[in-house]
Amino acid sequence: MGHHSFVAIGDHTFLYCADSYLPDIAALFTEEDRCPVVHHTHDDGQPWAEFAYATTVNALRERLQVQGFTQARARQALAAGLAPMNGEDSPSAPDPATFEDGIRQFLAEEPEAFPAERDDLSHASGESLEELSRRMDSRDFVRLLLDCAPDPQGTVSLDLTQLTGCCVELDPSQRIAEHARAEQLADLSQTAPLLVLTEGTTDARLLSAGMGVTHPHLKGYVTFFDYAGAGAEGGVAQLARNVAAFVAAGVANRFIALADNDTEGHAGMQKTMERALPDRCRVLFYPPLSLLKAYPTLGPYTDEPVLADINGRAGSLELYLGRDVLQTEDGLMPVQWKSWNGKLRRYHGSLMDGDKNMAQERFLLKVKAHHAGTPAPDADWSGIRAIIDQLVGAFA
């Protein structure tokens, strides 16, 4: 028997690769996913090692999602892969939905129920998962399997153990995932990180820090544009100009313009949204939050706090940093209504500068506490999670 790498979802194994590994699959993992290497010696004195990368079904699915390998794309690839290969004389192709249901049921079964040496799902037409995998992009195939996996928090791994012994002698100290991802980034049209443009460097910095808590598995797959490093000014006007520049330059990355969910943000991006934008571009605003449906506001007619729905009117990033960050002894930091926008017929509001700075500082301390293993019991990440979830689904 030869030496193979393979992908495992739970105890089911797929995508056997003789004497090597599939670089596109290795690039879906990170060095943080590396399992502890355990060294062994065969009876004949030959060394070998347990060498694998492992993460969760949901983490790998989201990495595929932000690269454009969506559920819809996987299903299209499935239908194409199941189509008859030999013209009119070939047997009828199985129904994709039925075949997908079969995969779902198959993955829910214990592998011991299958006497075959390798897991297989055969159809009456003669189709099997092994045959299907050869007709699909390996990433579409993995996405199909992940969408059918019964447990989103189950384990999916790339096992390289058989490659570490004699004949192949893969060095388990090599950073296989990191190297595969670096090689892959040369193909910017599909595999480059999802680029997110924000209204300024502070938003980019806070969102990047927040994603490190709520979606750490997306590090290296979603990149927030570094205004400070690029020497660019911020603001919604600059965001709109950046979108125009990226489109005109034909930037190959899929990119998202992410604006504040406030009056100025909506007004500032209105013309951009009216343009015919390429499919690789999306214009989004921070999503509505239930916290902001009844939020304390000041003015324009009273100095006493008045509860109001500030979604779309005053939703700057600070309002998404968590209830714990916004809480003071007197209640939530209030939004101050400011300028009136005649075109949209509504006021624009924001936190006062002192409160805004305090919220940012508190948030960074909260991130630091999380990474130190001492998170506060009332730490609220719902706003950041909602934003990142929106980015993940932007190209679905």
Protein backbone atom coordinates (compact mmCIF):
# COMPACT_ATOMS: atom_id res chain seq x y z
CA MET A 1 0.00 0.00 0.00
CA GLY A 2 1.29 3.47 -0.84
CA HIS A 3 1.59 6.47 1.42
CA HIS A 4 -1.31 8.94 1.38
CA SER A 5 -2.50 12.15 2.92
CA PHE A 6 -6.23 12.55 3.36
CA VAL A 7 -8.96 14.80 4.70
CA ALA A 8 -11.01 13.54 7.64
CA ILE A 9 -14.39 14.82 8.79
CA GLY A 10 -14.95 13.12 12.09
CA ASP A 11 -13.90 9.52 11.40
CA HIS A 12 -14.73 9.61 7.68
CA THR A 13 -11.85 10.05 5.26
CA PHE A 14 -11.74 11.61 1.80
CA LEU A 15 -9.42 13.04 -0.88
CA TYR A 16 -6.61 10.52 -0.61
CA CYS A 17 -3.46 11.87 -2.26
CA ALA A 18 -0.63 9.43 -2.95
CA ASP A 19 2.84 10.41 -1.73
CA SER A 20 1.87 14.08 -1.35
CA TYR A 21 -0.92 16.43 -0.29
CA LEU A 22 -3.31 18.78 -2.09
CA PRO A 23 -1.90 22.33 -1.74
CA ASP A 24 -5.33 23.97 -2.09
CA ILE A 25 -6.57 21.93 0.87
CA ALA A 26 -3.45 22.51 2.95
CA ALA A 27 -3.92 26.26 2.38
CA LEU A 28 -7.31 26.11 4.11
CA PHE A 29 -5.55 25.43 7.40
CA THR A 30 -3.23 27.66 9.42
CA GLU A 31 -0.20 26.93 11.53
CA GLU A 32 -2.41 27.58 14.56
CA ASP A 33 -4.36 24.47 13.47
CA ARG A 34 -1.23 22.28 13.66
CA CYS A 35 -1.72 19.31 15.98
CA PRO A 36 1.14 18.42 18.34
CA VAL A 37 3.63 16.29 16.42
CA VAL A 38 4.25 12.91 18.06
CA HIS A 39 7.36 11.02 16.90
CA HIS A 40 7.53 7.21 16.69
CA THR A 41 9.89 4.52 15.41
CA HIS A 42 8.93 1.40 13.45
CA ASP A 43 10.21 -2.00 14.55
CA ASP A 44 12.83 -1.76 11.80
CA GLY A 45 14.12 1.50 13.25
CA GLN A 46 12.52 3.77 10.62
CA PRO A 47 11.13 7.01 12.13
CA TRP A 48 7.61 8.31 11.51
CA ALA A 49 5.43 10.95 13.13
CA GLU A 50 1.79 11.76 13.74
CA PHE A 51 1.41 14.96 11.70
CA ALA A 52 -1.90 16.69 11.04
CA TYR A 53 -3.76 19.99 10.96
CA ALA A 54 -7.23 20.17 12.49
CA THR A 55 -9.96 22.77 12.99
CA THR A 56 -13.75 22.83 13.22
CA VAL A 57 -16.23 22.25 10.42
CA ASN A 58 -17.61 25.76 10.90
CA ALA A 59 -14.16 27.42 10.86
CA LEU A 60 -13.16 25.73 7.61
CA ARG A 61 -16.55 26.46 6.07
CA GLU A 62 -16.22 30.16 6.87
CA ARG A 63 -12.72 30.26 5.41
CA LEU A 64 -14.08 28.78 2.21
CA GLN A 65 -17.04 31.17 2.29
CA VAL A 66 -14.91 34.32 2.42
CA GLN A 67 -12.83 32.98 -0.49
CA GLY A 68 -15.95 32.64 -2.63
CA PHE A 69 -16.47 28.89 -2.26
CA THR A 70 -20.10 29.26 -1.28
CA GLN A 71 -22.81 26.67 -0.80
CA ALA A 72 -24.41 27.73 -4.08
CA ARG A 73 -21.12 27.29 -5.94
CA ALA A 74 -20.56 23.86 -4.38
CA ARG A 75 -24.03 22.75 -5.43
CA GLN A 76 -23.42 23.94 -8.99
CA ALA A 77 -20.15 22.00 -9.02
CA LEU A 78 -21.99 18.94 -7.68
CA ALA A 79 -24.56 19.10 -10.48
CA ALA A 80 -21.80 19.43 -13.07
CA GLY A 81 -19.85 16.58 -11.50
CA LEU A 82 -22.86 14.28 -11.53
CA ALA A 83 -23.71 15.03 -15.17
CA PRO A 84 -23.21 12.09 -17.57
CA MET A 85 -19.63 12.01 -18.84
CA ASN A 86 -20.09 9.85 -21.95
CA GLY A 87 -22.88 11.47 -23.95
CA GLU A 88 -26.34 10.12 -24.62
CA ASP A 89 -25.43 6.47 -23.99
CA SER A 90 -24.34 7.08 -20.40
CA PRO A 91 -26.73 6.38 -17.52
CA SER A 92 -28.90 9.19 -16.21
CA ALA A 93 -27.17 11.43 -13.72
CA PRO A 94 -28.40 11.15 -10.14
CA ASP A 95 -30.43 14.05 -8.77
CA PRO A 96 -28.02 16.46 -6.99
CA ALA A 97 -30.40 17.10 -4.08
CA THR A 98 -30.88 13.37 -3.54
CA PHE A 99 -27.14 12.77 -3.74
CA GLU A 100 -26.53 15.58 -1.24
CA ASP A 101 -29.04 14.01 1.15
CA GLY A 102 -27.13 10.77 0.78
CA ILE A 103 -23.88 12.49 1.74
CA ARG A 104 -25.59 14.04 4.75
CA GLN A 105 -26.89 10.67 5.92
CA PHE A 106 -23.54 9.02 5.18
CA LEU A 107 -21.61 11.49 7.34
CA ALA A 108 -24.04 10.93 10.21
CA GLU A 109 -23.30 7.20 10.19
CA GLU A 110 -20.49 5.49 12.08
CA PRO A 111 -17.70 4.56 9.65
CA GLU A 112 -17.53 1.07 11.17
CA ALA A 113 -20.77 0.37 9.32
CA PHE A 114 -18.83 0.35 6.03
CA PRO A 115 -16.56 -2.64 5.38
CA ALA A 116 -14.70 -0.90 2.54
CA GLU A 117 -11.09 0.06 3.17
CA ARG A 118 -11.98 3.69 2.44
CA ASP A 119 -15.24 5.48 3.04
CA ASP A 120 -17.44 5.50 -0.03
CA LEU A 121 -20.98 6.52 -0.97
CA SER A 122 -22.19 4.70 -4.03
CA HIS A 123 -25.26 5.53 -6.06
CA ALA A 124 -27.28 3.20 -8.28
CA SER A 125 -25.79 4.97 -11.30
CA GLY A 126 -22.29 3.99 -10.21
CA GLU A 127 -21.40 7.45 -8.95
CA SER A 128 -19.31 7.59 -5.77
CA LEU A 129 -17.72 10.26 -3.64
CA GLU A 130 -14.27 9.22 -4.81
CA GLU A 131 -15.30 9.55 -8.46
CA LEU A 132 -17.13 12.80 -7.76
CA SER A 133 -14.10 14.35 -6.06
CA ARG A 134 -12.10 13.93 -9.25
CA ARG A 135 -14.67 15.95 -11.20
CA MET A 136 -14.83 18.89 -8.78
CA ASP A 137 -12.42 21.51 -7.50
CA SER A 138 -11.20 20.02 -4.24
CA ARG A 139 -12.37 23.11 -2.35
CA ASP A 140 -15.89 22.86 -3.80
CA PHE A 141 -15.88 19.19 -2.82
CA VAL A 142 -14.80 19.97 0.75
CA ARG A 143 -17.40 22.75 0.99
CA LEU A 144 -20.06 20.24 -0.10
CA LEU A 145 -18.97 17.82 2.61
CA LEU A 146 -18.82 20.52 5.28
CA ASP A 147 -22.34 21.71 4.43
CA CYS A 148 -23.52 18.12 4.94
CA ALA A 149 -21.56 17.49 8.15
CA PRO A 150 -23.86 16.87 11.13
CA ASP A 151 -21.89 18.88 13.72
CA PRO A 152 -20.64 22.43 12.93
CA GLN A 153 -18.19 22.12 15.82
CA GLY A 154 -16.99 18.69 14.72
CA THR A 155 -13.39 18.18 13.67
CA VAL A 156 -12.07 18.37 10.13
CA SER A 157 -8.42 17.58 9.57
CA LEU A 158 -5.69 17.13 7.01
CA ASP A 159 -3.70 14.03 8.01
CA LEU A 160 -0.12 13.92 6.74
CA THR A 161 1.09 11.13 9.02
CA GLN A 162 1.70 8.52 6.29
CA LEU A 163 3.98 10.94 4.47
CA THR A 164 6.45 11.22 7.34
CA GLY A 165 7.88 7.70 7.17
CA CYS A 166 10.03 5.95 4.61
CA CYS A 167 9.78 6.68 0.88
CA VAL A 168 8.18 10.14 1.22
CA GLU A 169 9.92 11.33 4.40
CA LEU A 170 8.00 14.59 4.79
CA ASP A 171 9.57 16.67 7.54
CA PRO A 172 6.82 17.35 10.14
CA SER A 173 8.62 20.53 11.21
CA GLN A 174 7.77 22.11 7.85
CA ARG A 175 5.08 24.78 7.97
CA ILE A 176 3.00 23.07 5.30
CA ALA A 177 -0.19 25.13 5.72
CA GLU A 178 1.66 28.44 5.83
CA HIS A 179 3.69 27.59 2.74
CA ALA A 180 0.63 26.39 0.81
CA ARG A 181 -1.28 29.57 1.63
CA ALA A 182 1.66 31.76 0.60
CA GLU A 183 1.86 29.96 -2.74
CA GLN A 184 -1.88 30.27 -3.22
CA LEU A 185 -1.96 34.02 -2.69
CA ALA A 186 -0.33 34.44 -6.08
CA ASP A 187 -3.75 33.74 -7.56
CA LEU A 188 -5.46 36.95 -6.48
CA SER A 189 -8.56 36.47 -8.56
CA GLN A 190 -9.98 33.86 -6.19
CA THR A 191 -7.80 33.11 -3.24
CA ALA A 192 -6.57 36.48 -1.94
CA PRO A 193 -7.91 37.66 1.41
CA LEU A 194 -11.25 39.41 1.45
CA LEU A 195 -10.35 43.09 1.69
CA VAL A 196 -12.51 45.34 3.86
CA LEU A 197 -12.38 49.12 3.46
CA THR A 198 -13.69 51.13 6.41
CA GLU A 199 -14.16 54.82 7.14
CA GLY A 200 -10.84 55.12 8.91
CA THR A 201 -7.84 53.57 10.58
CA THR A 202 -9.53 53.36 14.00
CA ASP A 203 -12.41 51.32 12.62
CA ALA A 204 -10.00 49.01 10.83
CA ARG A 205 -7.90 48.54 13.96
CA LEU A 206 -10.86 47.85 16.26
CA LEU A 207 -12.57 45.49 13.83
CA SER A 208 -9.36 43.54 13.29
CA ALA A 209 -8.91 43.24 17.06
CA GLY A 210 -12.53 42.20 17.52
CA MET A 211 -12.38 39.58 14.77
CA GLY A 212 -9.40 38.08 16.59
CA VAL A 213 -11.83 37.29 19.41
CA THR A 214 -15.08 36.36 17.66
CA HIS A 215 -13.67 34.81 14.45
CA PRO A 216 -9.97 34.07 15.07
CA HIS A 217 -10.03 31.39 12.36
CA LEU A 218 -10.46 34.13 9.72
CA LYS A 219 -7.06 35.69 10.41
CA GLY A 220 -5.26 35.89 7.08
CA TYR A 221 -8.51 35.43 5.17
CA VAL A 222 -10.12 38.80 5.94
CA THR A 223 -7.94 41.92 5.88
CA PHE A 224 -8.98 45.39 7.03
CA PHE A 225 -7.42 48.16 4.96
CA ASP A 226 -4.67 49.90 6.92
CA TYR A 227 -5.33 53.62 6.42
CA ALA A 228 -2.44 54.59 8.68
CA GLY A 229 0.06 52.44 6.79
CA ALA A 230 -1.19 53.73 3.45
CA GLY A 231 -1.10 57.36 4.57
CA ALA A 232 -4.71 57.89 3.53
CA GLU A 233 -7.22 60.10 5.30
CA GLY A 234 -10.42 58.66 6.72
CA GLY A 235 -14.11 59.45 6.60
CA VAL A 236 -17.00 58.31 4.44
CA ALA A 237 -15.94 60.61 1.57
CA GLN A 238 -12.54 58.91 1.47
CA LEU A 239 -14.23 55.51 1.62
CA ALA A 240 -16.28 56.38 -1.46
CA ARG A 241 -13.14 57.60 -3.26
CA ASN A 242 -11.32 54.39 -2.36
CA VAL A 243 -14.10 52.28 -3.85
CA ALA A 244 -13.90 54.28 -7.08
CA ALA A 245 -10.12 53.92 -7.14
CA PHE A 246 -10.23 50.17 -6.53
CA VAL A 247 -12.79 49.69 -9.29
CA ALA A 248 -10.87 51.87 -11.74
CA ALA A 249 -7.59 50.10 -10.97
CA GLY A 250 -9.18 46.69 -11.53
CA VAL A 251 -8.10 45.41 -8.12
CA ALA A 252 -8.51 41.64 -8.31
CA ASN A 253 -9.41 41.11 -4.65
CA ARG A 254 -12.99 40.77 -3.63
CA PHE A 255 -13.50 43.82 -1.45
CA ILE A 256 -16.17 45.32 0.76
CA ALA A 257 -16.76 49.00 1.51
CA LEU A 258 -18.02 48.99 5.11
CA ALA A 259 -19.56 52.27 6.24
CA ASP A 260 -21.04 53.46 9.52
CA ASN A 261 -24.73 52.73 10.03
CA ASP A 262 -25.49 56.41 10.50
CA THR A 263 -26.94 59.27 8.48
CA GLU A 264 -23.60 60.51 7.20
CA GLY A 265 -22.57 57.00 6.21
CA HIS A 266 -25.73 56.37 4.19
CA ALA A 267 -25.63 59.81 2.59
CA GLY A 268 -21.93 59.56 1.78
CA MET A 269 -22.22 56.17 0.05
CA GLN A 270 -25.45 56.89 -1.83
CA LYS A 271 -23.83 57.81 -5.14
CA THR A 272 -21.44 54.86 -4.89
CA MET A 273 -24.37 52.48 -4.45
CA GLU A 274 -26.07 53.95 -7.51
CA ARG A 275 -23.05 53.08 -9.67
CA ALA A 276 -22.72 49.81 -11.58
CA LEU A 277 -20.15 48.07 -9.36
CA PRO A 278 -18.29 44.89 -10.35
CA ASP A 279 -19.35 41.61 -8.79
CA ARG A 280 -16.17 41.52 -6.71
CA CYS A 281 -17.34 44.62 -4.79
CA ARG A 282 -19.98 45.03 -2.09
CA VAL A 283 -21.11 48.16 -0.22
CA LEU A 284 -22.33 47.43 3.30
CA PHE A 285 -23.20 49.30 6.48
CA TYR A 286 -22.85 48.06 10.01
CA PRO A 287 -25.92 45.86 10.59
CA PRO A 288 -28.93 46.93 12.69
CA LEU A 289 -28.68 45.96 16.35
CA SER A 290 -31.47 45.37 18.83
CA LEU A 291 -29.46 47.40 21.38
CA LEU A 292 -29.81 50.45 19.10
CA LYS A 293 -33.58 50.21 18.68
CA ALA A 294 -34.17 52.01 21.97
CA TYR A 295 -30.99 53.90 22.78
CA PRO A 296 -30.63 57.08 24.90
CA THR A 297 -30.22 60.24 22.84
CA LEU A 298 -29.76 63.94 23.62
CA GLY A 299 -31.31 66.80 21.66
CA PRO A 300 -32.09 68.34 19.36
CA TYR A 301 -35.04 69.62 21.41
CA THR A 302 -34.22 68.45 24.94
CA ASP A 303 -31.27 67.95 27.23
CA GLU A 304 -32.95 64.96 28.90
CA PRO A 305 -32.15 61.53 27.43
CA VAL A 306 -34.82 60.23 25.06
CA LEU A 307 -34.90 56.63 23.87
CA ALA A 308 -34.85 56.39 20.08
CA ASP A 309 -34.06 53.92 17.31
CA ILE A 310 -30.63 55.05 16.14
CA ASN A 311 -30.09 52.31 13.55
CA GLY A 312 -29.23 54.10 10.31
CA ARG A 313 -28.87 57.41 12.13
CA ALA A 314 -26.08 57.17 14.68
CA GLY A 315 -24.59 53.68 14.34
CA SER A 316 -20.86 54.38 14.39
CA LEU A 317 -18.55 51.48 15.28
CA GLU A 318 -18.32 52.48 18.95
CA LEU A 319 -22.00 51.52 19.34
CA TYR A 320 -21.05 47.96 18.29
CA LEU A 321 -18.27 47.44 20.82
CA GLY A 322 -20.58 45.96 23.46
CA ARG A 323 -23.09 47.02 26.09
CA ASP A 324 -20.38 46.52 28.73
CA VAL A 325 -18.15 49.05 26.92
CA LEU A 326 -20.95 51.63 26.64
CA GLN A 327 -22.25 51.30 30.20
CA THR A 328 -21.59 54.11 32.72
CA GLU A 329 -22.86 54.79 36.23
CA ASP A 330 -25.64 56.89 34.70
CA GLY A 331 -26.59 54.33 32.04
CA LEU A 332 -25.47 53.90 28.45
CA MET A 333 -23.31 56.60 26.89
CA PRO A 334 -25.88 58.81 25.12
CA VAL A 335 -25.88 59.75 21.46
CA GLN A 336 -25.91 63.46 20.71
CA TRP A 337 -28.08 64.48 17.76
CA LYS A 338 -26.21 66.91 15.52
CA SER A 339 -26.72 67.94 11.91
CA TRP A 340 -29.94 67.57 9.91
CA ASN A 341 -29.73 65.90 6.50
CA GLY A 342 -32.41 67.38 4.30
CA LYS A 343 -32.08 64.76 1.55
CA LEU A 344 -32.53 61.80 3.88
CA ARG A 345 -34.78 63.86 6.17
CA ARG A 346 -33.20 62.78 9.41
CA TYR A 347 -30.64 63.92 11.97
CA HIS A 348 -27.15 62.52 12.24
CA GLY A 349 -25.94 61.55 15.69
CA SER A 350 -22.86 60.23 17.41
CA LEU A 351 -21.31 59.69 20.80
CA MET A 352 -19.57 62.71 22.26
CA ASP A 353 -15.82 62.72 21.64
CA GLY A 354 -14.90 61.89 25.24
CA ASP A 355 -17.29 58.95 25.34
CA LYS A 356 -16.10 57.75 21.94
CA ASN A 357 -12.48 57.69 23.09
CA MET A 358 -13.43 55.96 26.34
CA ALA A 359 -15.40 53.29 24.47
CA GLN A 360 -12.45 52.55 22.20
CA GLU A 361 -10.04 52.29 25.14
CA ARG A 362 -12.39 50.02 27.07
CA PHE A 363 -12.83 47.78 24.04
CA LEU A 364 -9.09 47.32 23.55
CA LEU A 365 -8.73 46.47 27.24
CA LYS A 366 -11.55 43.93 26.82
CA VAL A 367 -9.72 42.34 23.88
CA LYS A 368 -6.51 42.22 25.90
CA ALA A 369 -8.30 40.57 28.82
CA HIS A 370 -9.81 37.97 26.51
CA HIS A 371 -6.44 36.98 25.09
CA ALA A 372 -4.97 36.91 28.60
CA GLY A 373 -7.60 34.37 29.59
CA THR A 374 -9.33 36.72 32.02
CA PRO A 375 -12.48 37.85 30.20
CA ALA A 376 -15.14 39.72 32.16
CA PRO A 377 -18.28 37.62 32.74
CA ASP A 378 -20.47 40.30 31.13
CA ALA A 379 -18.26 40.77 28.04
CA ASP A 380 -20.56 41.54 25.11
CA TRP A 381 -19.27 40.68 21.64
CA SER A 382 -22.64 40.59 19.87
CA GLY A 383 -22.06 43.77 17.85
CA ILE A 384 -18.65 42.73 16.54
CA ARG A 385 -19.92 39.22 15.84
CA ALA A 386 -22.83 40.64 13.83
CA ILE A 387 -20.46 42.75 11.72
CA ILE A 388 -18.06 39.90 10.96
CA ASP A 389 -20.94 37.50 10.23
CA GLN A 390 -22.21 40.06 7.74
CA LEU A 391 -18.80 40.18 6.03
CA VAL A 392 -18.67 36.37 5.85
CA GLY A 393 -22.02 36.26 4.07
CA ALA A 394 -21.49 39.26 1.80
CA PHE A 395 -20.80 37.21 -1.33
CA ALA A 396 -23.20 34.33 -0.65
